[in-house]
Amino acid sequence: LIIPAISKMDVNIIGNELENNNITHFLVVPSLYKVL
C-alpha cells in the first residue's frame, strides 16, 4: 500500500508516485484519470 501525503489532487505528485513506485492499480475519478 502506497499512501502519498497529499491533501489535494495534485497531478504532478500523483504522477511521480505512480512512476516511482511502479503502481499496478489505483482507484481514481474519471476526470482526474483523463488528465493523467
Full PDB file with SEQRES, HELIX, SHEET, SSBOND, CRYST1, ORIGX, SCALE, CONECT and MASTER records, all heavy atoms in Angstrom:
SEQRES   1 A   36  LEU ILE ILE PRO ALA ILE SER LYS MET ASP VAL ASN ILE          
SEQRES   2 A   36  ILE GLY ASN GLU LEU GLU ASN ASN ASN ILE THR HIS PHE          
SEQRES   3 A   36  LEU VAL VAL PRO SER LEU TYR LYS VAL LEU                      
HELIX    1 AA1 VAL A   11  ASN A   21  1                                  11    
HELIX    2 AA2 PRO A   30  VAL A   35  1                                   6    
CRYST1    1.000    1.000    1.000  90.00  90.00  90.00 P 1           1          
ORIGX1      1.000000  0.000000  0.000000        0.00000                         
ORIGX2      0.000000  1.000000  0.000000        0.00000                         
ORIGX3      0.000000  0.000000  1.000000        0.00000                         
SCALE1      1.000000  0.000000  0.000000        0.00000                         
SCALE2      0.000000  1.000000  0.000000        0.00000                         
SCALE3      0.000000  0.000000  1.000000        0.00000                         
ATOM      1  N   LEU A   1       0.837  -1.194   0.000  1.00  0.00           N  
ATOM      2  CA  LEU A   1       0.000   0.000   0.000  1.00  0.00           C  
ATOM      3  C   LEU A   1       0.872   1.245   0.000  1.00  0.00           C  
ATOM      4  O   LEU A   1       1.694   1.437   0.892  1.00  0.00           O  
ATOM      5  CB  LEU A   1      -0.922  -0.002   1.222  1.00  0.00           C  
ATOM      6  CG  LEU A   1      -1.899   1.171   1.368  1.00  0.00           C  
ATOM      7  CD1 LEU A   1      -2.929   1.149   0.249  1.00  0.00           C  
ATOM      8  CD2 LEU A   1      -2.593   1.128   2.731  1.00  0.00           C  
ATOM      9  N   ILE A   2       0.691   2.085  -0.996  1.00  0.00           N  
ATOM     10  CA  ILE A   2       1.433   3.338  -1.115  1.00  0.00           C  
ATOM     11  C   ILE A   2       0.476   4.476  -0.793  1.00  0.00           C  
ATOM     12  O   ILE A   2      -0.549   4.649  -1.462  1.00  0.00           O  
ATOM     13  CB  ILE A   2       2.019   3.527  -2.524  1.00  0.00           C  
ATOM     14  CG1 ILE A   2       2.800   2.276  -2.972  1.00  0.00           C  
ATOM     15  CG2 ILE A   2       2.887   4.776  -2.573  1.00  0.00           C  
ATOM     16  CD1 ILE A   2       4.005   1.966  -2.140  1.00  0.00           C  
ATOM     17  N   ILE A   3       0.818   5.274   0.223  1.00  0.00           N  
ATOM     18  CA  ILE A   3      -0.048   6.362   0.660  1.00  0.00           C  
ATOM     19  C   ILE A   3       0.697   7.683   0.498  1.00  0.00           C  
ATOM     20  O   ILE A   3       1.508   8.052   1.356  1.00  0.00           O  
ATOM     21  CB  ILE A   3      -0.493   6.194   2.123  1.00  0.00           C  
ATOM     22  CG1 ILE A   3      -1.148   4.829   2.325  1.00  0.00           C  
ATOM     23  CG2 ILE A   3      -1.466   7.303   2.521  1.00  0.00           C  
ATOM     24  CD1 ILE A   3      -1.549   4.553   3.749  1.00  0.00           C  
ATOM     25  N   PRO A   4       0.454   8.414  -0.575  1.00  0.00           N  
ATOM     26  CA  PRO A   4       1.120   9.709  -0.740  1.00  0.00           C  
ATOM     27  C   PRO A   4       0.546  10.746   0.212  1.00  0.00           C  
ATOM     28  O   PRO A   4      -0.667  10.788   0.449  1.00  0.00           O  
ATOM     29  CB  PRO A   4       0.820  10.077  -2.199  1.00  0.00           C  
ATOM     30  CG  PRO A   4      -0.453   9.366  -2.522  1.00  0.00           C  
ATOM     31  CD  PRO A   4      -0.432   8.097  -1.709  1.00  0.00           C  
ATOM     32  N   ALA A   5       1.394  11.564   0.772  1.00  0.00           N  
ATOM     33  CA  ALA A   5       0.969  12.594   1.719  1.00  0.00           C  
ATOM     34  C   ALA A   5       0.493  13.825   0.954  1.00  0.00           C  
ATOM     35  O   ALA A   5       1.188  14.836   0.861  1.00  0.00           O  
ATOM     36  CB  ALA A   5       2.101  12.942   2.672  1.00  0.00           C  
ATOM     37  N   ILE A   6      -0.698  13.720   0.389  1.00  0.00           N  
ATOM     38  CA  ILE A   6      -1.259  14.840  -0.356  1.00  0.00           C  
ATOM     39  C   ILE A   6      -2.630  15.175   0.200  1.00  0.00           C  
ATOM     40  O   ILE A   6      -3.400  14.299   0.593  1.00  0.00           O  
ATOM     41  CB  ILE A   6      -1.371  14.539  -1.863  1.00  0.00           C  
ATOM     42  CG1 ILE A   6      -2.170  13.251  -2.119  1.00  0.00           C  
ATOM     43  CG2 ILE A   6       0.021  14.430  -2.486  1.00  0.00           C  
ATOM     44  CD1 ILE A   6      -2.434  12.986  -3.591  1.00  0.00           C  
ATOM     45  N   SER A   7      -2.925  16.459   0.264  1.00  0.00           N  
ATOM     46  CA  SER A   7      -4.216  16.910   0.751  1.00  0.00           C  
ATOM     47  C   SER A   7      -5.172  17.274  -0.370  1.00  0.00           C  
ATOM     48  O   SER A   7      -6.349  17.497  -0.141  1.00  0.00           O  
ATOM     49  CB  SER A   7      -4.047  18.114   1.687  1.00  0.00           C  
ATOM     50  OG  SER A   7      -3.386  19.173   1.017  1.00  0.00           O  
ATOM     51  N   LYS A   8      -4.658  17.345  -1.585  1.00  0.00           N  
ATOM     52  CA  LYS A   8      -5.496  17.633  -2.744  1.00  0.00           C  
ATOM     53  C   LYS A   8      -4.979  16.862  -3.941  1.00  0.00           C  
ATOM     54  O   LYS A   8      -3.852  16.355  -3.935  1.00  0.00           O  
ATOM     55  CB  LYS A   8      -5.522  19.142  -3.036  1.00  0.00           C  
ATOM     56  CG  LYS A   8      -4.157  19.759  -3.294  1.00  0.00           C  
ATOM     57  CD  LYS A   8      -4.284  21.254  -3.549  1.00  0.00           C  
ATOM     58  CE  LYS A   8      -2.907  21.888  -3.821  1.00  0.00           C  
ATOM     59  NZ  LYS A   8      -3.019  23.335  -4.090  1.00  0.00           N  
ATOM     60  N   MET A   9      -5.793  16.790  -4.961  1.00  0.00           N  
ATOM     61  CA  MET A   9      -5.449  16.006  -6.132  1.00  0.00           C  
ATOM     62  C   MET A   9      -4.429  16.733  -7.001  1.00  0.00           C  
ATOM     63  O   MET A   9      -4.771  17.448  -7.937  1.00  0.00           O  
ATOM     64  CB  MET A   9      -6.715  15.695  -6.937  1.00  0.00           C  
ATOM     65  CG  MET A   9      -7.728  14.856  -6.184  1.00  0.00           C  
ATOM     66  SD  MET A   9      -7.117  13.195  -5.772  1.00  0.00           S  
ATOM     67  CE  MET A   9      -6.694  13.394  -4.046  1.00  0.00           C  
ATOM     68  N   ASP A  10      -3.167  16.588  -6.645  1.00  0.00           N  
ATOM     69  CA  ASP A  10      -2.075  17.210  -7.389  1.00  0.00           C  
ATOM     70  C   ASP A  10      -1.583  16.223  -8.455  1.00  0.00           C  
ATOM     71  O   ASP A  10      -1.017  15.178  -8.126  1.00  0.00           O  
ATOM     72  CB  ASP A  10      -0.931  17.585  -6.444  1.00  0.00           C  
ATOM     73  CG  ASP A  10       0.157  18.404  -7.134  1.00  0.00           C  
ATOM     74  OD1 ASP A  10       0.721  17.921  -8.130  1.00  0.00           O  
ATOM     75  OD2 ASP A  10       0.467  19.516  -6.646  1.00  0.00           O  
ATOM     76  N   VAL A  11      -1.784  16.557  -9.713  1.00  0.00           N  
ATOM     77  CA  VAL A  11      -1.461  15.651 -10.808  1.00  0.00           C  
ATOM     78  C   VAL A  11       0.023  15.319 -10.836  1.00  0.00           C  
ATOM     79  O   VAL A  11       0.420  14.172 -11.092  1.00  0.00           O  
ATOM     80  CB  VAL A  11      -1.913  16.250 -12.153  1.00  0.00           C  
ATOM     81  CG1 VAL A  11      -1.416  15.385 -13.320  1.00  0.00           C  
ATOM     82  CG2 VAL A  11      -3.421  16.374 -12.204  1.00  0.00           C  
ATOM     83  N   ASN A  12       0.865  16.300 -10.559  1.00  0.00           N  
ATOM     84  CA  ASN A  12       2.310  16.066 -10.608  1.00  0.00           C  
ATOM     85  C   ASN A  12       2.757  15.091  -9.516  1.00  0.00           C  
ATOM     86  O   ASN A  12       3.553  14.180  -9.765  1.00  0.00           O  
ATOM     87  CB  ASN A  12       3.059  17.385 -10.479  1.00  0.00           C  
ATOM     88  CG  ASN A  12       2.908  18.261 -11.706  1.00  0.00           C  
ATOM     89  OD1 ASN A  12       2.900  17.777 -12.843  1.00  0.00           O  
ATOM     90  ND2 ASN A  12       2.773  19.569 -11.491  1.00  0.00           N  
ATOM     91  N   ILE A  13       2.233  15.292  -8.310  1.00  0.00           N  
ATOM     92  CA  ILE A  13       2.601  14.391  -7.208  1.00  0.00           C  
ATOM     93  C   ILE A  13       2.097  12.983  -7.478  1.00  0.00           C  
ATOM     94  O   ILE A  13       2.820  11.996  -7.290  1.00  0.00           O  
ATOM     95  CB  ILE A  13       2.052  14.921  -5.870  1.00  0.00           C  
ATOM     96  CG1 ILE A  13       2.724  16.244  -5.501  1.00  0.00           C  
ATOM     97  CG2 ILE A  13       2.270  13.893  -4.757  1.00  0.00           C  
ATOM     98  CD1 ILE A  13       2.196  16.870  -4.236  1.00  0.00           C  
ATOM     99  N   ILE A  14       0.847  12.873  -7.919  1.00  0.00           N  
ATOM    100  CA  ILE A  14       0.280  11.560  -8.208  1.00  0.00           C  
ATOM    101  C   ILE A  14       1.076  10.875  -9.323  1.00  0.00           C  
ATOM    102  O   ILE A  14       1.385   9.679  -9.242  1.00  0.00           O  
ATOM    103  CB  ILE A  14      -1.202  11.687  -8.594  1.00  0.00           C  
ATOM    104  CG1 ILE A  14      -2.012  12.144  -7.383  1.00  0.00           C  
ATOM    105  CG2 ILE A  14      -1.744  10.350  -9.109  1.00  0.00           C  
ATOM    106  CD1 ILE A  14      -3.462  12.464  -7.704  1.00  0.00           C  
ATOM    107  N   GLY A  15       1.420  11.633 -10.348  1.00  0.00           N  
ATOM    108  CA  GLY A  15       2.217  11.071 -11.435  1.00  0.00           C  
ATOM    109  C   GLY A  15       3.560  10.556 -10.960  1.00  0.00           C  
ATOM    110  O   GLY A  15       4.004   9.469 -11.357  1.00  0.00           O  
ATOM    111  N   ASN A  16       4.218  11.312 -10.097  1.00  0.00           N  
ATOM    112  CA  ASN A  16       5.511  10.883  -9.560  1.00  0.00           C  
ATOM    113  C   ASN A  16       5.374   9.610  -8.724  1.00  0.00           C  
ATOM    114  O   ASN A  16       6.221   8.704  -8.798  1.00  0.00           O  
ATOM    115  CB  ASN A  16       6.123  11.999  -8.718  1.00  0.00           C  
ATOM    116  CG  ASN A  16       6.593  13.177  -9.552  1.00  0.00           C  
ATOM    117  OD1 ASN A  16       6.871  13.045 -10.743  1.00  0.00           O  
ATOM    118  ND2 ASN A  16       6.678  14.346  -8.923  1.00  0.00           N  
ATOM    119  N   GLU A  17       4.304   9.534  -7.896  1.00  0.00           N  
ATOM    120  CA  GLU A  17       4.086   8.349  -7.078  1.00  0.00           C  
ATOM    121  C   GLU A  17       3.824   7.122  -7.951  1.00  0.00           C  
ATOM    122  O   GLU A  17       4.321   6.020  -7.673  1.00  0.00           O  
ATOM    123  CB  GLU A  17       2.910   8.574  -6.126  1.00  0.00           C  
ATOM    124  CG  GLU A  17       3.142   9.627  -5.058  1.00  0.00           C  
ATOM    125  CD  GLU A  17       4.110   9.175  -3.976  1.00  0.00           C  
ATOM    126  OE1 GLU A  17       4.404   7.956  -3.892  1.00  0.00           O  
ATOM    127  OE2 GLU A  17       4.575  10.037  -3.202  1.00  0.00           O  
ATOM    128  N   LEU A  18       3.047   7.291  -8.995  1.00  0.00           N  
ATOM    129  CA  LEU A  18       2.765   6.189  -9.911  1.00  0.00           C  
ATOM    130  C   LEU A  18       4.039   5.662 -10.552  1.00  0.00           C  
ATOM    131  O   LEU A  18       4.280   4.453 -10.613  1.00  0.00           O  
ATOM    132  CB  LEU A  18       1.790   6.656 -10.995  1.00  0.00           C  
ATOM    133  CG  LEU A  18       0.320   6.843 -10.594  1.00  0.00           C  
ATOM    134  CD1 LEU A  18      -0.410   7.676 -11.636  1.00  0.00           C  
ATOM    135  CD2 LEU A  18      -0.363   5.488 -10.442  1.00  0.00           C  
ATOM    136  N   GLU A  19       4.857   6.578 -11.026  1.00  0.00           N  
ATOM    137  CA  GLU A  19       6.064   6.194 -11.767  1.00  0.00           C  
ATOM    138  C   GLU A  19       7.149   5.655 -10.843  1.00  0.00           C  
ATOM    139  O   GLU A  19       7.776   4.628 -11.137  1.00  0.00           O  
ATOM    140  CB  GLU A  19       6.574   7.380 -12.555  1.00  0.00           C  
ATOM    141  CG  GLU A  19       7.692   7.035 -13.536  1.00  0.00           C  
ATOM    142  CD  GLU A  19       7.938   8.138 -14.547  1.00  0.00           C  
ATOM    143  OE1 GLU A  19       7.402   9.262 -14.359  1.00  0.00           O  
ATOM    144  OE2 GLU A  19       8.650   7.874 -15.547  1.00  0.00           O  
ATOM    145  N   ASN A  20       7.374   6.314  -9.728  1.00  0.00           N  
ATOM    146  CA  ASN A  20       8.471   5.924  -8.834  1.00  0.00           C  
ATOM    147  C   ASN A  20       8.219   4.598  -8.120  1.00  0.00           C  
ATOM    148  O   ASN A  20       9.160   3.906  -7.722  1.00  0.00           O  
ATOM    149  CB  ASN A  20       8.726   7.017  -7.799  1.00  0.00           C  
ATOM    150  CG  ASN A  20       9.224   8.309  -8.428  1.00  0.00           C  
ATOM    151  OD1 ASN A  20       9.784   8.310  -9.523  1.00  0.00           O  
ATOM    152  ND2 ASN A  20       9.022   9.430  -7.734  1.00  0.00           N  
ATOM    153  N   ASN A  21       6.950   4.252  -7.948  1.00  0.00           N  
ATOM    154  CA  ASN A  21       6.614   3.045  -7.198  1.00  0.00           C  
ATOM    155  C   ASN A  21       6.115   1.896  -8.063  1.00  0.00           C  
ATOM    156  O   ASN A  21       5.752   0.847  -7.541  1.00  0.00           O  
ATOM    157  CB  ASN A  21       5.554   3.375  -6.138  1.00  0.00           C  
ATOM    158  CG  ASN A  21       6.070   4.277  -5.050  1.00  0.00           C  
ATOM    159  OD1 ASN A  21       6.860   3.868  -4.199  1.00  0.00           O  
ATOM    160  ND2 ASN A  21       5.635   5.541  -5.050  1.00  0.00           N  
ATOM    161  N   ASN A  22       6.098   2.087  -9.380  1.00  0.00           N  
ATOM    162  CA  ASN A  22       5.625   1.047 -10.297  1.00  0.00           C  
ATOM    163  C   ASN A  22       4.251   0.518  -9.880  1.00  0.00           C  
ATOM    164  O   ASN A  22       4.046  -0.694  -9.705  1.00  0.00           O  
ATOM    165  CB  ASN A  22       6.639  -0.098 -10.381  1.00  0.00           C  
ATOM    166  CG  ASN A  22       7.948   0.331 -11.019  1.00  0.00           C  
ATOM    167  OD1 ASN A  22       7.958   1.008 -12.041  1.00  0.00           O  
ATOM    168  ND2 ASN A  22       9.061  -0.054 -10.397  1.00  0.00           N  
ATOM    169  N   ILE A  23       3.320   1.424  -9.722  1.00  0.00           N  
ATOM    170  CA  ILE A  23       1.978   1.096  -9.248  1.00  0.00           C  
ATOM    171  C   ILE A  23       1.262   0.187 -10.243  1.00  0.00           C  
ATOM    172  O   ILE A  23       1.274   0.430 -11.458  1.00  0.00           O  
ATOM    173  CB  ILE A  23       1.165   2.377  -9.009  1.00  0.00           C  
ATOM    174  CG1 ILE A  23       1.824   3.254  -7.950  1.00  0.00           C  
ATOM    175  CG2 ILE A  23      -0.279   2.039  -8.637  1.00  0.00           C  
ATOM    176  CD1 ILE A  23       1.946   2.621  -6.594  1.00  0.00           C  
ATOM    177  N   THR A  24       0.623  -0.860  -9.728  1.00  0.00           N  
ATOM    178  CA  THR A  24      -0.112  -1.785 -10.588  1.00  0.00           C  
ATOM    179  C   THR A  24      -1.609  -1.526 -10.586  1.00  0.00           C  
ATOM    180  O   THR A  24      -2.334  -2.006 -11.461  1.00  0.00           O  
ATOM    181  CB  THR A  24       0.128  -3.244 -10.163  1.00  0.00           C  
ATOM    182  OG1 THR A  24      -0.353  -3.437  -8.810  1.00  0.00           O  
ATOM    183  CG2 THR A  24       1.602  -3.593 -10.242  1.00  0.00           C  
ATOM    184  N   HIS A  25      -2.100  -0.780  -9.594  1.00  0.00           N  
ATOM    185  CA  HIS A  25      -3.529  -0.493  -9.531  1.00  0.00           C  
ATOM    186  C   HIS A  25      -3.774   0.758  -8.698  1.00  0.00           C  
ATOM    187  O   HIS A  25      -3.097   1.007  -7.711  1.00  0.00           O  
ATOM    188  CB  HIS A  25      -4.310  -1.651  -8.913  1.00  0.00           C  
ATOM    189  CG  HIS A  25      -5.769  -1.312  -8.688  1.00  0.00           C  
ATOM    190  ND1 HIS A  25      -6.232  -0.762  -7.510  1.00  0.00           N  
ATOM    191  CD2 HIS A  25      -6.838  -1.407  -9.500  1.00  0.00           C  
ATOM    192  CE1 HIS A  25      -7.540  -0.554  -7.618  1.00  0.00           C  
ATOM    193  NE2 HIS A  25      -7.926  -0.945  -8.809  1.00  0.00           N  
ATOM    194  N   PHE A  26      -4.751   1.543  -9.106  1.00  0.00           N  
ATOM    195  CA  PHE A  26      -5.283   2.588  -8.247  1.00  0.00           C  
ATOM    196  C   PHE A  26      -6.703   2.938  -8.673  1.00  0.00           C  
ATOM    197  O   PHE A  26      -7.128   2.682  -9.798  1.00  0.00           O  
ATOM    198  CB  PHE A  26      -4.379   3.826  -8.193  1.00  0.00           C  
ATOM    199  CG  PHE A  26      -4.415   4.712  -9.418  1.00  0.00           C  
ATOM    200  CD1 PHE A  26      -4.806   6.028  -9.330  1.00  0.00           C  
ATOM    201  CD2 PHE A  26      -3.994   4.247 -10.652  1.00  0.00           C  
ATOM    202  CE1 PHE A  26      -4.804   6.862 -10.435  1.00  0.00           C  
ATOM    203  CE2 PHE A  26      -3.978   5.077 -11.767  1.00  0.00           C  
ATOM    204  CZ  PHE A  26      -4.396   6.396 -11.654  1.00  0.00           C  
ATOM    205  N   LEU A  27      -7.419   3.491  -7.728  1.00  0.00           N  
ATOM    206  CA  LEU A  27      -8.804   3.912  -7.931  1.00  0.00           C  
ATOM    207  C   LEU A  27      -8.815   5.416  -8.101  1.00  0.00           C  
ATOM    208  O   LEU A  27      -8.198   6.143  -7.319  1.00  0.00           O  
ATOM    209  CB  LEU A  27      -9.663   3.481  -6.738  1.00  0.00           C  
ATOM    210  CG  LEU A  27     -11.161   3.773  -6.778  1.00  0.00           C  
ATOM    211  CD1 LEU A  27     -11.919   2.721  -5.962  1.00  0.00           C  
ATOM    212  CD2 LEU A  27     -11.498   5.162  -6.234  1.00  0.00           C  
ATOM    213  N   VAL A  28      -9.538   5.902  -9.116  1.00  0.00           N  
ATOM    214  CA  VAL A  28      -9.472   7.310  -9.451  1.00  0.00           C  
ATOM    215  C   VAL A  28     -10.798   7.759 -10.059  1.00  0.00           C  
ATOM    216  O   VAL A  28     -11.501   6.961 -10.698  1.00  0.00           O  
ATOM    217  CB  VAL A  28      -8.306   7.570 -10.430  1.00  0.00           C  
ATOM    218  CG1 VAL A  28      -8.515   6.799 -11.730  1.00  0.00           C  
ATOM    219  CG2 VAL A  28      -8.093   9.044 -10.695  1.00  0.00           C  
ATOM    220  N   VAL A  29     -11.156   9.022  -9.862  1.00  0.00           N  
ATOM    221  CA  VAL A  29     -12.341   9.562 -10.525  1.00  0.00           C  
ATOM    222  C   VAL A  29     -12.020   9.776 -11.991  1.00  0.00           C  
ATOM    223  O   VAL A  29     -10.877  10.097 -12.360  1.00  0.00           O  
ATOM    224  CB  VAL A  29     -12.822  10.872  -9.866  1.00  0.00           C  
ATOM    225  CG1 VAL A  29     -13.289  10.622  -8.438  1.00  0.00           C  
ATOM    226  CG2 VAL A  29     -11.724  11.929  -9.884  1.00  0.00           C  
ATOM    227  N   PRO A  30     -12.996   9.594 -12.887  1.00  0.00           N  
ATOM    228  CA  PRO A  30     -12.735   9.699 -14.327  1.00  0.00           C  
ATOM    229  C   PRO A  30     -12.104  11.020 -14.749  1.00  0.00           C  
ATOM    230  O   PRO A  30     -11.237  11.045 -15.640  1.00  0.00           O  
ATOM    231  CB  PRO A  30     -14.121   9.514 -14.945  1.00  0.00           C  
ATOM    232  CG  PRO A  30     -14.850   8.656 -13.964  1.00  0.00           C  
ATOM    233  CD  PRO A  30     -14.366   9.111 -12.623  1.00  0.00           C  
ATOM    234  N   SER A  31     -12.534  12.138 -14.159  1.00  0.00           N  
ATOM    235  CA  SER A  31     -11.989  13.436 -14.566  1.00  0.00           C  
ATOM    236  C   SER A  31     -10.501  13.539 -14.295  1.00  0.00           C  
ATOM    237  O   SER A  31      -9.744  14.097 -15.108  1.00  0.00           O  
ATOM    238  CB  SER A  31     -12.741  14.569 -13.853  1.00  0.00           C  
ATOM    239  OG  SER A  31     -12.719  14.385 -12.439  1.00  0.00           O  
ATOM    240  N   LEU A  32     -10.036  13.009 -13.165  1.00  0.00           N  
ATOM    241  CA  LEU A  32      -8.607  13.013 -12.863  1.00  0.00           C  
ATOM    242  C   LEU A  32      -7.854  12.045 -13.755  1.00  0.00           C  
ATOM    243  O   LEU A  32      -6.742  12.331 -14.210  1.00  0.00           O  
ATOM    244  CB  LEU A  32      -8.372  12.667 -11.392  1.00  0.00           C  
ATOM    245  CG  LEU A  32      -6.916  12.565 -10.933  1.00  0.00           C  
ATOM    246  CD1 LEU A  32      -6.158  13.856 -11.197  1.00  0.00           C  
ATOM    247  CD2 LEU A  32      -6.839  12.201  -9.444  1.00  0.00           C  
ATOM    248  N   TYR A  33      -8.461  10.895 -14.024  1.00  0.00           N  
ATOM    249  CA  TYR A  33      -7.802   9.917 -14.892  1.00  0.00           C  
ATOM    250  C   TYR A  33      -7.603  10.472 -16.300  1.00  0.00           C  
ATOM    251  O   TYR A  33      -6.580  10.234 -16.936  1.00  0.00           O  
ATOM    252  CB  TYR A  33      -8.603   8.627 -14.945  1.00  0.00           C  
ATOM    253  CG  TYR A  33      -7.920   7.525 -15.727  1.00  0.00           C  
ATOM    254  CD1 TYR A  33      -6.595   7.194 -15.479  1.00  0.00           C  
ATOM    255  CD2 TYR A  33      -8.597   6.826 -16.731  1.00  0.00           C  
ATOM    256  CE1 TYR A  33      -5.959   6.190 -16.195  1.00  0.00           C  
ATOM    257  CE2 TYR A  33      -7.980   5.824 -17.444  1.00  0.00           C  
ATOM    258  CZ  TYR A  33      -6.659   5.518 -17.185  1.00  0.00           C  
ATOM    259  OH  TYR A  33      -6.029   4.528 -17.908  1.00  0.00           O  
ATOM    260  N   LYS A  34      -8.552  11.263 -16.771  1.00  0.00           N  
ATOM    261  CA  LYS A  34      -8.437  11.874 -18.091  1.00  0.00           C  
ATOM    262  C   LYS A  34      -7.211  12.785 -18.156  1.00  0.00           C  
ATOM    263  O   LYS A  34      -6.463  12.769 -19.144  1.00  0.00           O  
ATOM    264  CB  LYS A  34      -9.703  12.677 -18.406  1.00  0.00           C  
ATOM    265  CG  LYS A  34      -9.749  13.264 -19.817  1.00  0.00           C  
ATOM    266  CD  LYS A  34     -11.074  13.961 -20.078  1.00  0.00           C  
ATOM    267  CE  LYS A  34     -11.139  14.491 -21.503  1.00  0.00           C  
ATOM    268  NZ  LYS A  34     -11.125  13.422 -22.510  1.00  0.00           N  
ATOM    269  N   VAL A  35      -6.986  13.551 -17.085  1.00  0.00           N  
ATOM    270  CA  VAL A  35      -5.821  14.436 -17.031  1.00  0.00           C  
ATOM    271  C   VAL A  35      -4.530  13.620 -16.989  1.00  0.00           C  
ATOM    272  O   VAL A  35      -3.539  13.953 -17.656  1.00  0.00           O  
ATOM    273  CB  VAL A  35      -5.913  15.374 -15.812  1.00  0.00           C  
ATOM    274  CG1 VAL A  35      -4.656  16.238 -15.707  1.00  0.00           C  
ATOM    275  CG2 VAL A  35      -7.155  16.254 -15.903  1.00  0.00           C  
ATOM    276  N   LEU A  36      -4.514  12.544 -16.212  1.00  0.00           N  
ATOM    277  CA  LEU A  36      -3.327  11.701 -16.123  1.00  0.00           C  
ATOM    278  C   LEU A  36      -2.990  11.062 -17.472  1.00  0.00           C  
ATOM    279  O   LEU A  36      -1.809  10.975 -17.846  1.00  0.00           O  
ATOM    280  CB  LEU A  36      -3.533  10.618 -15.064  1.00  0.00           C  
ATOM    281  CG  LEU A  36      -3.551  11.092 -13.607  1.00  0.00           C  
ATOM    282  CD1 LEU A  36      -4.038   9.973 -12.691  1.00  0.00           C  
ATOM    283  CD2 LEU A  36      -2.168  11.562 -13.172  1.00  0.00           C  
TER     284      LEU A  36                                                      
MASTER        0    0    0    2    0    0    0    6  283    1    0    3          
END                                                                             
